[in-house]
């Protein structure tokens, strides 16, 4: 009985923390393509912004655009 109570207490404490993950934990992969369009801009500030935005994603997904 104590194990069930301890498990329920642990889950009750862990679930709110799991829901507070950063919003970028899941993102639409098509967004990478949209962000990468800024790399073709003539404006250096737009290119810099695109690089910074792409830097928020996993390198496996952005490598072809950044390297």
Protein backbone atom coordinates (compact mmCIF):
# COMPACT_ATOMS: atom_id res chain seq x y z
CA UNK A 1 0.00 0.00 0.00
CA UNK A 2 2.81 2.41 0.79
CA UNK A 3 4.38 1.74 -2.62
CA UNK A 4 1.20 2.78 -4.40
CA UNK A 5 0.97 5.94 -2.34
CA UNK A 6 4.63 6.76 -2.99
CA UNK A 7 4.20 6.10 -6.73
CA UNK A 8 1.10 8.32 -6.86
CA UNK A 9 2.96 11.09 -5.02
CA UNK A 10 5.95 10.86 -7.36
CA UNK A 11 3.73 10.97 -10.43
CA UNK A 12 1.77 13.91 -9.06
CA UNK A 13 5.01 15.84 -8.60
CA UNK A 14 6.54 14.82 -11.95
CA UNK A 15 3.61 15.48 -14.27
CA UNK A 16 3.45 19.27 -13.81
CA UNK A 17 7.21 19.51 -14.40
CA UNK A 18 6.90 17.49 -17.61
CA UNK A 19 4.23 19.82 -18.95
CA UNK A 20 6.49 22.85 -18.43
CA UNK A 21 8.97 21.81 -21.09
CA UNK A 22 10.03 24.52 -23.52
CA UNK A 23 7.70 25.15 -26.44
CA UNK A 24 10.43 24.18 -28.89
CA UNK A 25 10.45 20.60 -27.55
CA UNK A 26 8.22 19.75 -30.49
CA UNK A 27 8.07 21.81 -33.63
CA UNK A 28 6.85 21.31 -37.14
CA UNK A 29 9.75 20.29 -39.39
CA UNK A 30 8.37 22.44 -42.22
CA UNK A 31 9.21 25.43 -40.07
CA UNK A 32 12.89 24.76 -40.70
CA UNK A 33 12.32 25.22 -44.42
CA UNK A 34 10.45 28.47 -43.76
CA UNK A 35 13.23 29.78 -41.52
CA UNK A 36 15.86 28.74 -44.09
CA UNK A 37 14.26 30.96 -46.72
CA UNK A 38 15.71 33.93 -44.85
CA UNK A 39 19.21 32.72 -45.74
CA UNK A 40 18.63 33.81 -49.34
CA UNK A 41 17.83 37.39 -48.37
CA UNK A 42 19.96 40.27 -49.64
CA UNK A 43 19.63 41.92 -46.23
CA UNK A 44 22.40 40.75 -43.85
CA UNK A 45 20.15 41.32 -40.83
CA UNK A 46 17.54 38.95 -42.25
CA UNK A 47 20.22 36.32 -42.91
CA UNK A 48 21.55 36.68 -39.37
CA UNK A 49 18.04 36.30 -37.97
CA UNK A 50 17.52 33.17 -40.08
CA UNK A 51 20.77 31.64 -38.80
CA UNK A 52 19.81 32.39 -35.21
CA UNK A 53 16.34 30.94 -35.71
CA UNK A 54 17.75 27.81 -37.32
CA UNK A 55 20.14 27.47 -34.39
CA UNK A 56 17.18 26.65 -32.16
CA UNK A 57 16.60 23.37 -34.00
CA UNK A 58 18.60 20.15 -33.84
CA UNK A 59 21.64 20.22 -36.10
CA UNK A 60 20.54 16.98 -37.77
CA UNK A 61 17.64 18.90 -39.29
CA UNK A 62 19.41 22.15 -40.16
CA UNK A 63 22.82 20.92 -41.27
CA UNK A 64 22.03 21.14 -44.98
CA UNK A 65 21.11 24.80 -44.60
CA UNK A 66 23.85 25.93 -42.27
CA UNK A 67 26.90 23.96 -43.40
